[in-house]
Amino acid sequence: MKQAGIAIGLFTVVFGGVHIANAVQVYRKEQRILYLLDERDHLRSLLNQSESK
């Protein structure tokens, strides 16, 4: 019974670690996408300004 508890504990630690790593990766990707969208909007506004002159 004790071995089962240890196995479950190890599984939880490993799986939890993987889950956290995935969550961090997703967060970073989202931040990157938001940054690129901001850049695109910024460049578009600069382009619009230069065209309207």
PDB file of N, CA and C in Angstrom:
ATOM      1  N   MET A   1       0.838  -1.208   0.000  1.00  0.00           N
ATOM      2  CA  MET A   1       0.000   0.000   0.000  1.00  0.00           C
ATOM      3  C   MET A   1       0.869   1.252   0.000  1.00  0.00           C
ATOM      4  N   LYS A   2       1.940   1.189   0.787  1.00  0.00           N
ATOM      5  CA  LYS A   2       2.835   2.349   0.859  1.00  0.00           C
ATOM      6  C   LYS A   2       3.490   2.611  -0.499  1.00  0.00           C
ATOM      7  N   GLN A   3       3.843   1.526  -1.211  1.00  0.00           N
ATOM      8  CA  GLN A   3       4.466   1.675  -2.534  1.00  0.00           C
ATOM      9  C   GLN A   3       3.518   2.369  -3.510  1.00  0.00           C
ATOM     10  N   ALA A   4       2.249   2.032  -3.428  1.00  0.00           N
ATOM     11  CA  ALA A   4       1.257   2.662  -4.310  1.00  0.00           C
ATOM     12  C   ALA A   4       1.211   4.164  -4.037  1.00  0.00           C
ATOM     13  N   GLY A   5       1.258   4.527  -2.768  1.00  0.00           N
ATOM     14  CA  GLY A   5       1.249   5.943  -2.388  1.00  0.00           C
ATOM     15  C   GLY A   5       2.465   6.673  -2.925  1.00  0.00           C
ATOM     16  N   ILE A   6       3.623   6.032  -2.847  1.00  0.00           N
ATOM     17  CA  ILE A   6       4.862   6.625  -3.356  1.00  0.00           C
ATOM     18  C   ILE A   6       4.778   6.778  -4.878  1.00  0.00           C
ATOM     19  N   ALA A   7       4.266   5.741  -5.549  1.00  0.00           N
ATOM     20  CA  ALA A   7       4.134   5.787  -7.010  1.00  0.00           C
ATOM     21  C   ALA A   7       3.213   6.927  -7.428  1.00  0.00           C
ATOM     22  N   ILE A   8       2.098   7.074  -6.734  1.00  0.00           N
ATOM     23  CA  ILE A   8       1.148   8.153  -7.043  1.00  0.00           C
ATOM     24  C   ILE A   8       1.810   9.510  -6.788  1.00  0.00           C
ATOM     25  N   GLY A   9       2.554   9.606  -5.706  1.00  0.00           N
ATOM     26  CA  GLY A   9       3.265  10.847  -5.380  1.00  0.00           C
ATOM     27  C   GLY A   9       4.265  11.221  -6.463  1.00  0.00           C
ATOM     28  N   LEU A  10       5.048  10.242  -6.909  1.00  0.00           N
ATOM     29  CA  LEU A  10       6.033  10.480  -7.974  1.00  0.00           C
ATOM     30  C   LEU A  10       5.343  10.882  -9.268  1.00  0.00           C
ATOM     31  N   PHE A  11       4.269  10.172  -9.603  1.00  0.00           N
ATOM     32  CA  PHE A  11       3.516  10.483 -10.825  1.00  0.00           C
ATOM     33  C   PHE A  11       3.003  11.919 -10.773  1.00  0.00           C
ATOM     34  N   THR A  12       2.475  12.304  -9.618  1.00  0.00           N
ATOM     35  CA  THR A  12       1.939  13.661  -9.451  1.00  0.00           C
ATOM     36  C   THR A  12       3.033  14.702  -9.635  1.00  0.00           C
ATOM     37  N   VAL A  13       4.187  14.454  -9.053  1.00  0.00           N
ATOM     38  CA  VAL A  13       5.312  15.395  -9.163  1.00  0.00           C
ATOM     39  C   VAL A  13       5.762  15.520 -10.620  1.00  0.00           C
ATOM     40  N   VAL A  14       5.945  14.370 -11.283  1.00  0.00           N
ATOM     41  CA  VAL A  14       6.407  14.375 -12.680  1.00  0.00           C
ATOM     42  C   VAL A  14       5.362  15.018 -13.578  1.00  0.00           C
ATOM     43  N   PHE A  15       4.123  14.571 -13.446  1.00  0.00           N
ATOM     44  CA  PHE A  15       3.053  15.096 -14.294  1.00  0.00           C
ATOM     45  C   PHE A  15       2.835  16.581 -14.020  1.00  0.00           C
ATOM     46  N   GLY A  16       2.876  16.966 -12.759  1.00  0.00           N
ATOM     47  CA  GLY A  16       2.723  18.374 -12.388  1.00  0.00           C
ATOM     48  C   GLY A  16       3.819  19.231 -12.992  1.00  0.00           C
ATOM     49  N   GLY A  17       5.052  18.717 -12.965  1.00  0.00           N
ATOM     50  CA  GLY A  17       6.186  19.435 -13.548  1.00  0.00           C
ATOM     51  C   GLY A  17       6.017  19.628 -15.042  1.00  0.00           C
ATOM     52  N   VAL A  18       5.555  18.583 -15.713  1.00  0.00           N
ATOM     53  CA  VAL A  18       5.321  18.661 -17.162  1.00  0.00           C
ATOM     54  C   VAL A  18       4.219  19.671 -17.445  1.00  0.00           C
ATOM     55  N   HIS A  19       3.173  19.616 -16.645  1.00  0.00           N
ATOM     56  CA  HIS A  19       2.034  20.519 -16.834  1.00  0.00           C
ATOM     57  C   HIS A  19       2.464  21.978 -16.671  1.00  0.00           C
ATOM     58  N   ILE A  20       3.270  22.243 -15.650  1.00  0.00           N
ATOM     59  CA  ILE A  20       3.761  23.606 -15.402  1.00  0.00           C
ATOM     60  C   ILE A  20       4.641  24.059 -16.570  1.00  0.00           C
ATOM     61  N   ALA A  21       5.513  23.174 -17.047  1.00  0.00           N
ATOM     62  CA  ALA A  21       6.390  23.511 -18.176  1.00  0.00           C
ATOM     63  C   ALA A  21       5.558  23.855 -19.412  1.00  0.00           C
ATOM     64  N   ASN A  22       4.508  23.076 -19.666  1.00  0.00           N
ATOM     65  CA  ASN A  22       3.624  23.350 -20.808  1.00  0.00           C
ATOM     66  C   ASN A  22       2.913  24.680 -20.635  1.00  0.00           C
ATOM     67  N   ALA A  23       2.446  24.937 -19.425  1.00  0.00           N
ATOM     68  CA  ALA A  23       1.739  26.191 -19.152  1.00  0.00           C
ATOM     69  C   ALA A  23       2.664  27.385 -19.386  1.00  0.00           C
ATOM     70  N   VAL A  24       3.904  27.266 -18.970  1.00  0.00           N
ATOM     71  CA  VAL A  24       4.885  28.341 -19.164  1.00  0.00           C
ATOM     72  C   VAL A  24       5.140  28.557 -20.654  1.00  0.00           C
ATOM     73  N   GLN A  25       5.276  27.460 -21.402  1.00  0.00           N
ATOM     74  CA  GLN A  25       5.496  27.560 -22.855  1.00  0.00           C
ATOM     75  C   GLN A  25       4.329  28.251 -23.540  1.00  0.00           C
ATOM     76  N   VAL A  26       3.120  27.862 -23.177  1.00  0.00           N
ATOM     77  CA  VAL A  26       1.920  28.465 -23.769  1.00  0.00           C
ATOM     78  C   VAL A  26       1.882  29.951 -23.442  1.00  0.00           C
ATOM     79  N   TYR A  27       2.184  30.285 -22.176  1.00  0.00           N
ATOM     80  CA  TYR A  27       2.185  31.688 -21.751  1.00  0.00           C
ATOM     81  C   TYR A  27       3.188  32.496 -22.576  1.00  0.00           C
ATOM     82  N   ARG A  28       4.381  31.952 -22.757  1.00  0.00           N
ATOM     83  CA  ARG A  28       5.418  32.644 -23.539  1.00  0.00           C
ATOM     84  C   ARG A  28       4.979  32.837 -24.981  1.00  0.00           C
ATOM     85  N   LYS A  29       4.355  31.803 -25.565  1.00  0.00           N
ATOM     86  CA  LYS A  29       3.870  31.917 -26.946  1.00  0.00           C
ATOM     87  C   LYS A  29       2.825  33.011 -27.047  1.00  0.00           C
ATOM     88  N   GLU A  30       1.915  33.045 -26.068  1.00  0.00           N
ATOM     89  CA  GLU A  30       0.865  34.066 -26.080  1.00  0.00           C
ATOM     90  C   GLU A  30       1.475  35.458 -25.966  1.00  0.00           C
ATOM     91  N   GLN A  31       2.462  35.613 -25.096  1.00  0.00           N
ATOM     92  CA  GLN A  31       3.128  36.909 -24.939  1.00  0.00           C
ATOM     93  C   GLN A  31       3.794  37.322 -26.246  1.00  0.00           C
ATOM     94  N   ARG A  32       4.423  36.358 -26.912  1.00  0.00           N
ATOM     95  CA  ARG A  32       5.099  36.621 -28.190  1.00  0.00           C
ATOM     96  C   ARG A  32       4.080  37.063 -29.247  1.00  0.00           C
ATOM     97  N   ILE A  33       2.948  36.372 -29.296  1.00  0.00           N
ATOM     98  CA  ILE A  33       1.901  36.720 -30.267  1.00  0.00           C
ATOM     99  C   ILE A  33       1.373  38.124 -29.988  1.00  0.00           C
ATOM    100  N   LEU A  34       1.129  38.426 -28.717  1.00  0.00           N
ATOM    101  CA  LEU A  34       0.636  39.762 -28.359  1.00  0.00           C
ATOM    102  C   LEU A  34       1.653  40.829 -28.752  1.00  0.00           C
ATOM    103  N   TYR A  35       2.924  40.537 -28.533  1.00  0.00           N
ATOM    104  CA  TYR A  35       3.993  41.476 -28.897  1.00  0.00           C
ATOM    105  C   TYR A  35       4.003  41.708 -30.408  1.00  0.00           C
ATOM    106  N   LEU A  36       3.897  40.628 -31.173  1.00  0.00           N
ATOM    107  CA  LEU A  36       3.908  40.747 -32.637  1.00  0.00           C
ATOM    108  C   LEU A  36       2.690  41.512 -33.135  1.00  0.00           C
ATOM    109  N   LEU A  37       1.545  41.297 -32.510  1.00  0.00           N
ATOM    110  CA  LEU A  37       0.337  42.035 -32.903  1.00  0.00           C
ATOM    111  C   LEU A  37       0.513  43.525 -32.617  1.00  0.00           C
ATOM    112  N   ASP A  38       1.112  43.850 -31.483  1.00  0.00           N
ATOM    113  CA  ASP A  38       1.393  45.250 -31.144  1.00  0.00           C
ATOM    114  C   ASP A  38       2.323  45.871 -32.181  1.00  0.00           C
ATOM    115  N   GLU A  39       3.371  45.130 -32.540  1.00  0.00           N
ATOM    116  CA  GLU A  39       4.324  45.609 -33.547  1.00  0.00           C
ATOM    117  C   GLU A  39       3.611  45.867 -34.870  1.00  0.00           C
ATOM    118  N   ARG A  40       2.758  44.928 -35.255  1.00  0.00           N
ATOM    119  CA  ARG A  40       2.034  45.058 -36.521  1.00  0.00           C
ATOM    120  C   ARG A  40       1.158  46.308 -36.513  1.00  0.00           C
ATOM    121  N   ASP A  41       0.439  46.506 -35.421  1.00  0.00           N
ATOM    122  CA  ASP A  41      -0.433  47.682 -35.317  1.00  0.00           C
ATOM    123  C   ASP A  41       0.384  48.970 -35.360  1.00  0.00           C
ATOM    124  N   HIS A  42       1.525  48.946 -34.692  1.00  0.00           N
ATOM    125  CA  HIS A  42       2.407  50.115 -34.663  1.00  0.00           C
ATOM    126  C   HIS A  42       2.910  50.438 -36.075  1.00  0.00           C
ATOM    127  N   LEU A  43       3.369  49.413 -36.774  1.00  0.00           N
ATOM    128  CA  LEU A  43       3.871  49.607 -38.140  1.00  0.00           C
ATOM    129  C   LEU A  43       2.751  50.071 -39.066  1.00  0.00           C
ATOM    130  N   ARG A  44       1.565  49.514 -38.868  1.00  0.00           N
ATOM    131  CA  ARG A  44       0.427  49.900 -39.704  1.00  0.00           C
ATOM    132  C   ARG A  44       0.081  51.372 -39.490  1.00  0.00           C
ATOM    133  N   SER A  45       0.123  51.820 -38.245  1.00  0.00           N
ATOM    134  CA  SER A  45      -0.195  53.227 -37.972  1.00  0.00           C
ATOM    135  C   SER A  45       0.877  54.152 -38.561  1.00  0.00           C
ATOM    136  N   LEU A  46       2.133  53.718 -38.502  1.00  0.00           N
ATOM    137  CA  LEU A  46       3.210  54.504 -39.126  1.00  0.00           C
ATOM    138  C   LEU A  46       3.004  54.586 -40.635  1.00  0.00           C
ATOM    139  N   LEU A  47       2.620  53.473 -41.222  1.00  0.00           N
ATOM    140  CA  LEU A  47       2.382  53.422 -42.666  1.00  0.00           C
ATOM    141  C   LEU A  47       1.221  54.338 -43.047  1.00  0.00           C
ATOM    142  N   ASN A  48       0.164  54.293 -42.269  1.00  0.00           N
ATOM    143  CA  ASN A  48      -1.006  55.145 -42.532  1.00  0.00           C
ATOM    144  C   ASN A  48      -0.638  56.621 -42.429  1.00  0.00           C
ATOM    145  N   GLN A  49       0.195  56.961 -41.451  1.00  0.00           N
ATOM    146  CA  GLN A  49       0.627  58.353 -41.284  1.00  0.00           C
ATOM    147  C   GLN A  49       1.416  58.815 -42.506  1.00  0.00           C
ATOM    148  N   SER A  50       2.325  57.961 -42.976  1.00  0.00           N
ATOM    149  CA  SER A  50       3.164  58.352 -44.116  1.00  0.00           C
ATOM    150  C   SER A  50       2.343  58.432 -45.406  1.00  0.00           C
ATOM    151  N   GLU A  51       1.314  57.602 -45.531  1.00  0.00           N
ATOM    152  CA  GLU A  51       0.466  57.633 -46.729  1.00  0.00           C
ATOM    153  C   GLU A  51      -0.429  58.864 -46.756  1.00  0.00           C
ATOM    154  N   SER A  52      -0.849  59.306 -45.585  1.00  0.00           N
ATOM    155  CA  SER A  52      -1.785  60.436 -45.534  1.00  0.00           C
ATOM    156  C   SER A  52      -1.092  61.782 -45.748  1.00  0.00           C
ATOM    157  N   LYS A  53       0.234  61.799 -45.701  1.00  0.00           N
ATOM    158  CA  LYS A  53       0.980  63.060 -45.891  1.00  0.00           C
ATOM    159  C   LYS A  53       1.058  63.439 -47.362  1.00  0.00           C
TER     160      LYS A  53
END
